[in-house]
Amino acid sequence: MDQSQELRRVGLKVTHPRVRILSILQGRHPRHFSAEDIYRHLVEHSEDIGLATVYRVLTQFEAAGIVNKHHFESGQAVFELNRGSHHDHMIDLDSGKVIEFVDEDIERLQRAIAQRHGYDLEEHSLVLYVRPRRAARATPETAVPGRTPARSASAKK
């Protein structure tokens, strides 16, 4: 479905700013954009659309269900297209990369927890803040000769 049809489908008037912003959201990676990311892209492509307009359009898109808004650890809102399927997020704390995932075991467990407390789960948001795994700590087989391995805080007592 093209941008004009998508906008009409949700009851929004087709305007140049809406079409351009929707085009950016549909065609670029990564899939999570701040309003400033979108504004920068517009400026780089000589579009005369202000930052306030970008915020206003994103708010309209969120109300119409075109985008989902997230607040990750940075506190800055990011937006992604609402593709109609649920997923959760991991945020790489070193790079800021957003990783989407679906895990049926986690979904099942969340429903079970809500039911155990007398509720039906309607909606949820799960964000895991992660770092890449570090190389396994040096073992006697991999230790550098002449170097003493670091001791843990509990081993120092």
N, C-alpha and C. Protein backbone atom coordinates (compact mmCIF):
# COMPACT_ATOMS: atom_id res chain seq x y z
N MET A 1 0.85 -1.18 0.00
CA MET A 1 0.00 0.00 0.00
C MET A 1 0.90 1.24 0.00
N ASP A 2 0.62 2.19 -0.88
CA ASP A 2 1.45 3.39 -0.91
C ASP A 2 1.07 4.33 0.23
N GLN A 3 1.91 5.36 0.43
CA GLN A 3 1.71 6.27 1.56
C GLN A 3 0.36 6.97 1.52
N SER A 4 -0.07 7.42 0.35
CA SER A 4 -1.35 8.14 0.24
C SER A 4 -2.51 7.26 0.66
N GLN A 5 -2.51 6.02 0.20
CA GLN A 5 -3.59 5.09 0.56
C GLN A 5 -3.56 4.79 2.06
N GLU A 6 -2.36 4.61 2.61
CA GLU A 6 -2.22 4.33 4.04
C GLU A 6 -2.78 5.48 4.86
N LEU A 7 -2.46 6.71 4.48
CA LEU A 7 -2.96 7.87 5.21
C LEU A 7 -4.48 7.97 5.13
N ARG A 8 -5.02 7.77 3.95
CA ARG A 8 -6.49 7.82 3.79
C ARG A 8 -7.16 6.72 4.60
N ARG A 9 -6.54 5.53 4.61
CA ARG A 9 -7.12 4.38 5.32
C ARG A 9 -7.33 4.68 6.80
N VAL A 10 -6.40 5.46 7.39
CA VAL A 10 -6.53 5.77 8.82
C VAL A 10 -7.21 7.11 9.07
N GLY A 11 -7.72 7.73 8.00
CA GLY A 11 -8.49 8.96 8.15
C GLY A 11 -7.68 10.23 8.20
N LEU A 12 -6.44 10.20 7.73
CA LEU A 12 -5.63 11.41 7.71
C LEU A 12 -5.59 11.99 6.31
N LYS A 13 -5.60 13.30 6.24
CA LYS A 13 -5.49 14.00 4.97
C LYS A 13 -4.09 13.77 4.40
N VAL A 14 -4.00 13.61 3.10
CA VAL A 14 -2.71 13.40 2.45
C VAL A 14 -2.03 14.76 2.28
N THR A 15 -0.92 14.96 3.00
CA THR A 15 -0.13 16.20 2.88
C THR A 15 1.31 15.81 2.58
N HIS A 16 2.05 16.74 2.02
CA HIS A 16 3.44 16.48 1.69
C HIS A 16 4.25 16.03 2.92
N PRO A 17 4.18 16.75 4.06
CA PRO A 17 4.95 16.30 5.23
C PRO A 17 4.58 14.88 5.69
N ARG A 18 3.31 14.56 5.71
CA ARG A 18 2.90 13.22 6.14
C ARG A 18 3.42 12.15 5.19
N VAL A 19 3.32 12.41 3.89
CA VAL A 19 3.80 11.44 2.90
C VAL A 19 5.30 11.24 3.03
N ARG A 20 6.06 12.31 3.17
CA ARG A 20 7.52 12.21 3.27
C ARG A 20 7.94 11.49 4.54
N ILE A 21 7.32 11.82 5.66
CA ILE A 21 7.69 11.18 6.94
C ILE A 21 7.33 9.70 6.91
N LEU A 22 6.16 9.38 6.40
CA LEU A 22 5.77 7.97 6.29
C LEU A 22 6.72 7.22 5.36
N SER A 23 7.14 7.85 4.29
CA SER A 23 8.10 7.25 3.36
C SER A 23 9.42 6.92 4.05
N ILE A 24 9.88 7.83 4.88
CA ILE A 24 11.13 7.60 5.62
C ILE A 24 10.97 6.42 6.57
N LEU A 25 9.86 6.39 7.31
CA LEU A 25 9.62 5.30 8.24
C LEU A 25 9.51 3.94 7.53
N GLN A 26 8.97 3.93 6.34
CA GLN A 26 8.77 2.68 5.61
C GLN A 26 10.04 2.21 4.91
N GLY A 27 10.95 3.12 4.62
CA GLY A 27 12.03 2.72 3.75
C GLY A 27 13.42 2.69 4.33
N ARG A 28 13.59 3.03 5.56
CA ARG A 28 14.94 3.14 6.12
C ARG A 28 15.17 2.15 7.22
N HIS A 29 16.44 1.86 7.41
CA HIS A 29 16.87 1.06 8.56
C HIS A 29 17.87 1.90 9.31
N PRO A 30 17.93 1.90 10.58
CA PRO A 30 17.17 1.05 11.49
C PRO A 30 15.69 1.42 11.51
N ARG A 31 14.94 0.60 12.19
CA ARG A 31 13.49 0.78 12.19
C ARG A 31 13.01 1.71 13.29
N HIS A 32 13.86 2.15 14.18
CA HIS A 32 13.47 3.01 15.30
C HIS A 32 14.10 4.38 15.11
N PHE A 33 13.25 5.41 14.97
CA PHE A 33 13.71 6.76 14.67
C PHE A 33 13.24 7.74 15.72
N SER A 34 14.10 8.65 16.09
CA SER A 34 13.65 9.79 16.88
C SER A 34 13.11 10.83 15.90
N ALA A 35 12.39 11.80 16.42
CA ALA A 35 11.91 12.89 15.56
C ALA A 35 13.11 13.62 14.95
N GLU A 36 14.18 13.75 15.72
CA GLU A 36 15.38 14.42 15.23
C GLU A 36 16.03 13.63 14.09
N ASP A 37 16.02 12.28 14.16
CA ASP A 37 16.55 11.46 13.07
C ASP A 37 15.79 11.74 11.77
N ILE A 38 14.47 11.79 11.88
CA ILE A 38 13.64 12.03 10.70
C ILE A 38 13.88 13.44 10.17
N TYR A 39 13.95 14.40 11.07
CA TYR A 39 14.21 15.79 10.66
C TYR A 39 15.55 15.91 9.95
N ARG A 40 16.60 15.27 10.49
CA ARG A 40 17.92 15.30 9.85
C ARG A 40 17.86 14.72 8.43
N HIS A 41 17.14 13.61 8.28
CA HIS A 41 16.99 12.99 6.97
C HIS A 41 16.30 13.97 6.00
N LEU A 42 15.27 14.64 6.47
CA LEU A 42 14.57 15.60 5.62
C LEU A 42 15.49 16.75 5.20
N VAL A 43 16.27 17.27 6.14
CA VAL A 43 17.20 18.36 5.85
C VAL A 43 18.24 17.90 4.83
N GLU A 44 18.78 16.68 5.02
CA GLU A 44 19.78 16.14 4.09
C GLU A 44 19.24 16.02 2.67
N HIS A 45 17.92 15.88 2.55
CA HIS A 45 17.29 15.75 1.23
C HIS A 45 16.56 17.03 0.81
N SER A 46 17.00 18.15 1.41
CA SER A 46 16.51 19.49 1.05
C SER A 46 14.99 19.63 1.15
N GLU A 47 14.39 18.95 2.10
CA GLU A 47 12.96 19.08 2.34
C GLU A 47 12.73 20.25 3.29
N ASP A 48 11.74 21.08 3.01
CA ASP A 48 11.43 22.24 3.84
C ASP A 48 10.31 21.88 4.82
N ILE A 49 10.64 20.96 5.74
CA ILE A 49 9.69 20.52 6.75
C ILE A 49 10.37 20.71 8.10
N GLY A 50 9.76 21.50 8.98
CA GLY A 50 10.38 21.83 10.26
C GLY A 50 10.26 20.73 11.29
N LEU A 51 11.08 20.84 12.32
CA LEU A 51 11.08 19.86 13.41
C LEU A 51 9.73 19.82 14.13
N ALA A 52 9.11 20.98 14.33
CA ALA A 52 7.80 21.00 14.99
C ALA A 52 6.77 20.22 14.17
N THR A 53 6.86 20.33 12.85
CA THR A 53 5.94 19.58 11.98
C THR A 53 6.20 18.09 12.09
N VAL A 54 7.47 17.71 12.18
CA VAL A 54 7.81 16.29 12.34
C VAL A 54 7.18 15.76 13.62
N TYR A 55 7.33 16.48 14.73
CA TYR A 55 6.73 16.05 16.00
C TYR A 55 5.20 15.95 15.87
N ARG A 56 4.60 16.94 15.26
CA ARG A 56 3.13 16.96 15.11
C ARG A 56 2.66 15.76 14.28
N VAL A 57 3.34 15.49 13.17
CA VAL A 57 2.97 14.36 12.31
C VAL A 57 3.16 13.03 13.04
N LEU A 58 4.25 12.89 13.76
CA LEU A 58 4.48 11.63 14.50
C LEU A 58 3.40 11.42 15.57
N THR A 59 2.99 12.50 16.23
CA THR A 59 1.90 12.41 17.22
C THR A 59 0.60 11.98 16.53
N GLN A 60 0.32 12.53 15.35
CA GLN A 60 -0.87 12.13 14.59
C GLN A 60 -0.77 10.67 14.16
N PHE A 61 0.41 10.26 13.71
CA PHE A 61 0.61 8.87 13.30
C PHE A 61 0.42 7.91 14.48
N GLU A 62 0.90 8.31 15.65
CA GLU A 62 0.72 7.46 16.83
C GLU A 62 -0.76 7.34 17.18
N ALA A 63 -1.50 8.46 17.17
CA ALA A 63 -2.93 8.44 17.47
C ALA A 63 -3.70 7.60 16.46
N ALA A 64 -3.24 7.60 15.20
CA ALA A 64 -3.92 6.83 14.15
C ALA A 64 -3.49 5.37 14.11
N GLY A 65 -2.49 5.01 14.93
CA GLY A 65 -2.03 3.62 14.97
C GLY A 65 -1.03 3.26 13.88
N ILE A 66 -0.48 4.26 13.20
CA ILE A 66 0.52 3.99 12.16
C ILE A 66 1.88 3.67 12.77
N VAL A 67 2.20 4.36 13.87
CA VAL A 67 3.49 4.13 14.53
C VAL A 67 3.28 3.78 16.00
N ASN A 68 4.29 3.13 16.55
CA ASN A 68 4.37 2.89 17.99
C ASN A 68 5.48 3.77 18.53
N LYS A 69 5.25 4.33 19.70
CA LYS A 69 6.23 5.21 20.34
C LYS A 69 6.83 4.46 21.52
N HIS A 70 8.15 4.53 21.65
CA HIS A 70 8.86 3.88 22.75
C HIS A 70 9.75 4.89 23.45
N HIS A 71 9.93 4.68 24.74
CA HIS A 71 10.89 5.45 25.52
C HIS A 71 11.89 4.46 26.08
N PHE A 72 13.06 4.39 25.45
CA PHE A 72 14.10 3.49 25.94
C PHE A 72 14.96 4.24 26.94
N GLU A 73 16.08 3.66 27.34
CA GLU A 73 16.89 4.19 28.44
C GLU A 73 17.35 5.62 28.25
N SER A 74 17.50 6.07 27.04
CA SER A 74 17.99 7.44 26.80
C SER A 74 16.95 8.48 27.21
N GLY A 75 15.69 8.06 27.34
CA GLY A 75 14.62 8.99 27.65
C GLY A 75 14.06 9.66 26.40
N GLN A 76 14.76 9.53 25.29
CA GLN A 76 14.30 10.12 24.03
C GLN A 76 13.28 9.18 23.39
N ALA A 77 12.18 9.74 22.95
CA ALA A 77 11.16 8.93 22.29
C ALA A 77 11.66 8.49 20.92
N VAL A 78 11.39 7.24 20.59
CA VAL A 78 11.66 6.72 19.25
C VAL A 78 10.38 6.12 18.71
N PHE A 79 10.27 6.11 17.40
CA PHE A 79 9.06 5.67 16.73
C PHE A 79 9.41 4.56 15.75
N GLU A 80 8.50 3.60 15.62
CA GLU A 80 8.63 2.56 14.61
C GLU A 80 7.27 2.31 14.00
N LEU A 81 7.26 1.87 12.77
CA LEU A 81 5.99 1.55 12.12
C LEU A 81 5.28 0.46 12.89
N ASN A 82 3.99 0.59 13.00
CA ASN A 82 3.17 -0.46 13.61
C ASN A 82 2.89 -1.49 12.51
N ARG A 83 3.61 -2.59 12.56
CA ARG A 83 3.47 -3.62 11.53
C ARG A 83 2.43 -4.68 11.91
N GLY A 84 1.74 -4.44 13.02
CA GLY A 84 0.64 -5.32 13.39
C GLY A 84 1.01 -6.56 14.18
N SER A 85 2.30 -6.81 14.34
CA SER A 85 2.69 -7.99 15.11
C SER A 85 3.51 -7.56 16.32
N HIS A 86 3.28 -8.24 17.43
CA HIS A 86 3.95 -7.89 18.68
C HIS A 86 5.40 -8.38 18.65
N HIS A 87 6.28 -7.57 19.23
CA HIS A 87 7.65 -7.99 19.46
C HIS A 87 8.18 -7.21 20.66
N ASP A 88 9.25 -7.73 21.23
CA ASP A 88 9.90 -7.07 22.35
C ASP A 88 11.24 -6.52 21.86
N HIS A 89 11.94 -5.84 22.75
CA HIS A 89 13.18 -5.16 22.36
C HIS A 89 14.32 -5.46 23.32
N MET A 90 15.53 -5.50 22.77
CA MET A 90 16.77 -5.48 23.54
C MET A 90 17.53 -4.24 23.08
N ILE A 91 18.11 -3.54 24.04
CA ILE A 91 18.89 -2.35 23.72
C ILE A 91 20.33 -2.64 24.10
N ASP A 92 21.24 -2.57 23.12
CA ASP A 92 22.66 -2.74 23.37
C ASP A 92 23.15 -1.45 24.02
N LEU A 93 23.55 -1.54 25.28
CA LEU A 93 23.96 -0.35 26.02
C LEU A 93 25.24 0.27 25.50
N ASP A 94 26.08 -0.51 24.82
CA ASP A 94 27.33 0.03 24.29
C ASP A 94 27.11 0.79 22.98
N SER A 95 26.28 0.25 22.10
CA SER A 95 26.11 0.84 20.77
C SER A 95 24.80 1.59 20.59
N GLY A 96 23.81 1.32 21.46
CA GLY A 96 22.48 1.92 21.29
C GLY A 96 21.60 1.15 20.31
N LYS A 97 22.13 0.09 19.73
CA LYS A 97 21.39 -0.70 18.75
C LYS A 97 20.14 -1.30 19.39
N VAL A 98 19.03 -1.26 18.64
CA VAL A 98 17.77 -1.84 19.09
C VAL A 98 17.57 -3.16 18.37
N ILE A 99 17.42 -4.23 19.13
CA ILE A 99 17.23 -5.57 18.57
C ILE A 99 15.81 -6.01 18.90
N GLU A 100 15.06 -6.37 17.88
CA GLU A 100 13.69 -6.85 18.08
C GLU A 100 13.70 -8.36 18.19
N PHE A 101 12.82 -8.89 19.05
CA PHE A 101 12.72 -10.34 19.16
C PHE A 101 11.33 -10.74 19.61
N VAL A 102 10.99 -12.00 19.34
CA VAL A 102 9.75 -12.61 19.81
C VAL A 102 10.14 -13.93 20.46
N ASP A 103 9.64 -14.17 21.64
CA ASP A 103 9.91 -15.42 22.33
C ASP A 103 8.61 -15.93 22.95
N GLU A 104 8.12 -17.03 22.43
CA GLU A 104 6.83 -17.58 22.91
C GLU A 104 6.88 -18.00 24.37
N ASP A 105 8.04 -18.46 24.86
CA ASP A 105 8.15 -18.83 26.28
C ASP A 105 7.93 -17.61 27.17
N ILE A 106 8.53 -16.49 26.80
CA ILE A 106 8.35 -15.26 27.58
C ILE A 106 6.89 -14.81 27.51
N GLU A 107 6.29 -14.87 26.33
CA GLU A 107 4.89 -14.47 26.18
C GLU A 107 3.99 -15.33 27.07
N ARG A 108 4.20 -16.62 27.03
CA ARG A 108 3.40 -17.56 27.83
C ARG A 108 3.58 -17.28 29.33
N LEU A 109 4.81 -17.06 29.74
CA LEU A 109 5.10 -16.80 31.15
C LEU A 109 4.43 -15.51 31.63
N GLN A 110 4.44 -14.46 30.81
CA GLN A 110 3.80 -13.20 31.20
C GLN A 110 2.29 -13.38 31.37
N ARG A 111 1.67 -14.14 30.46
CA ARG A 111 0.22 -14.41 30.60
C ARG A 111 -0.05 -15.19 31.88
N ALA A 112 0.80 -16.18 32.17
CA ALA A 112 0.62 -17.01 33.37
C ALA A 112 0.77 -16.16 34.63
N ILE A 113 1.72 -15.26 34.66
CA ILE A 113 1.93 -14.39 35.83
C ILE A 113 0.71 -13.50 36.04
N ALA A 114 0.20 -12.91 34.98
CA ALA A 114 -0.99 -12.06 35.11
C ALA A 114 -2.17 -12.88 35.63
N GLN A 115 -2.37 -14.07 35.10
CA GLN A 115 -3.48 -14.93 35.53
C GLN A 115 -3.32 -15.35 36.99
N ARG A 116 -2.10 -15.66 37.39
CA ARG A 116 -1.84 -16.06 38.78
C ARG A 116 -2.23 -14.95 39.74
N HIS A 117 -2.17 -13.71 39.27
CA HIS A 117 -2.54 -12.56 40.11
C HIS A 117 -3.98 -12.10 39.86
N GLY A 118 -4.72 -12.89 39.07
CA GLY A 118 -6.13 -12.60 38.87
C GLY A 118 -6.42 -11.65 37.71
N TYR A 119 -5.51 -11.56 36.75
CA TYR A 119 -5.69 -10.64 35.63
C TYR A 119 -5.54 -11.36 34.30
N ASP A 120 -6.10 -10.74 33.27
CA ASP A 120 -5.84 -11.15 31.89
C ASP A 120 -4.89 -10.13 31.30
N LEU A 121 -3.84 -10.60 30.65
CA LEU A 121 -2.86 -9.71 30.04
C LEU A 121 -3.44 -9.12 28.77
N GLU A 122 -3.53 -7.81 28.69
CA GLU A 122 -4.05 -7.12 27.51
C GLU A 122 -2.94 -6.65 26.60
N GLU A 123 -1.89 -6.14 27.18
CA GLU A 123 -0.78 -5.58 26.41
C GLU A 123 0.43 -5.51 27.32
N HIS A 124 1.61 -5.53 26.73
CA HIS A 124 2.81 -5.36 27.54
C HIS A 124 3.95 -4.82 26.68
N SER A 125 4.97 -4.36 27.38
CA SER A 125 6.18 -3.90 26.73
C SER A 125 7.35 -4.45 27.53
N LEU A 126 8.23 -5.15 26.84
CA LEU A 126 9.41 -5.72 27.49
C LEU A 126 10.64 -5.17 26.80
N VAL A 127 11.52 -4.56 27.58
CA VAL A 127 12.78 -4.05 27.05
C VAL A 127 13.90 -4.61 27.92
N LEU A 128 14.83 -5.29 27.27
CA LEU A 128 16.01 -5.82 27.95
C LEU A 128 17.19 -4.93 27.59
N TYR A 129 17.93 -4.49 28.60
CA TYR A 129 19.12 -3.67 28.36
C TYR A 129 20.31 -4.60 28.47
N VAL A 130 21.07 -4.73 27.38
CA VAL A 130 22.10 -5.77 27.29
C VAL A 130 23.45 -5.19 26.87
N ARG A 131 24.50 -5.99 27.10
CA ARG A 131 25.84 -5.72 26.59
C ARG A 131 26.33 -6.98 25.91
N PRO A 132 27.16 -6.84 24.89
CA PRO A 132 27.73 -8.03 24.26
C PRO A 132 28.51 -8.84 25.29
N ARG A 133 28.49 -10.14 25.13
CA ARG A 133 29.24 -11.00 26.05
C ARG A 133 30.72 -10.70 25.94
N ARG A 134 31.37 -10.71 27.08
CA ARG A 134 32.82 -10.53 27.09
C ARG A 134 33.46 -11.90 26.91
N ALA A 135 34.68 -11.90 26.46
CA ALA A 135 35.40 -13.18 26.30
C ALA A 135 35.43 -13.86 27.66
N ALA A 136 35.40 -15.17 27.63
CA ALA A 136 35.43 -15.93 28.89
C ALA A 136 36.63 -15.49 29.72
N ARG A 137 36.43 -15.40 31.01
CA ARG A 137 37.52 -15.00 31.89
C ARG A 137 38.69 -15.96 31.72
N ALA A 138 39.88 -15.43 31.88
CA ALA A 138 41.07 -16.26 31.70
C ALA A 138 41.05 -17.43 32.67
N THR A 139 41.27 -18.60 32.13
CA THR A 139 41.39 -19.82 32.94
C THR A 139 42.87 -20.17 32.97
N PRO A 140 43.30 -21.07 33.82
CA PRO A 140 44.71 -21.44 33.84
C PRO A 140 45.22 -21.85 32.45
N GLU A 141 44.36 -22.45 31.64
CA GLU A 141 44.78 -22.88 30.31
C GLU A 141 44.94 -21.70 29.35
N THR A 142 44.19 -20.61 29.57
CA THR A 142 44.23 -19.48 28.64
C THR A 142 44.90 -18.25 29.24
N ALA A 143 45.35 -18.35 30.47
CA ALA A 143 45.97 -17.20 31.13
C ALA A 143 47.28 -16.83 30.43
N VAL A 144 47.59 -15.54 30.46
CA VAL A 144 48.84 -15.05 29.88
C VAL A 144 49.95 -15.35 30.86
N PRO A 145 51.06 -15.98 30.40
CA PRO A 145 52.18 -16.29 31.32
C PRO A 145 52.69 -15.02 31.99
N GLY A 146 52.97 -15.15 33.28
CA GLY A 146 53.50 -14.02 34.03
C GLY A 146 52.44 -13.06 34.53
N ARG A 147 51.21 -13.34 34.25
CA ARG A 147 50.12 -12.45 34.67
C ARG A 147 49.24 -13.19 35.67
N THR A 148 48.92 -12.53 36.76
CA THR A 148 48.05 -13.14 37.77
C THR A 148 46.61 -12.79 37.44
N PRO A 149 45.71 -13.81 37.34
CA PRO A 149 44.31 -13.50 37.05
C PRO A 149 43.71 -12.64 38.16
N ALA A 150 42.79 -11.75 37.78
CA ALA A 150 42.10 -10.90 38.76
C ALA A 150 41.23 -11.76 39.64
N ARG A 151 41.21 -11.42 40.93
CA ARG A 151 40.36 -12.16 41.86
C ARG A 151 39.06 -11.42 42.05
N SER A 152 37.99 -12.15 42.29
CA SER A 152 36.70 -11.52 42.53
C SER A 152 36.67 -10.87 43.89
N ALA A 153 35.75 -9.97 44.10
CA ALA A 153 35.63 -9.27 45.38
C ALA A 153 35.41 -10.24 46.52
N SER A 154 34.64 -11.30 46.28
CA SER A 154 34.37 -12.26 47.36
C SER A 154 35.61 -13.08 47.68
N ALA A 155 36.50 -13.29 46.70
CA ALA A 155 37.71 -14.08 46.94
C ALA A 155 38.76 -13.27 47.68
N LYS A 156 38.63 -11.95 47.72
CA LYS A 156 39.62 -11.09 48.36
C LYS A 156 39.44 -11.02 49.86
N LYS A 157 38.37 -11.53 50.39
CA LYS A 157 38.07 -11.41 51.83
C LYS A 157 38.96 -12.27 52.65
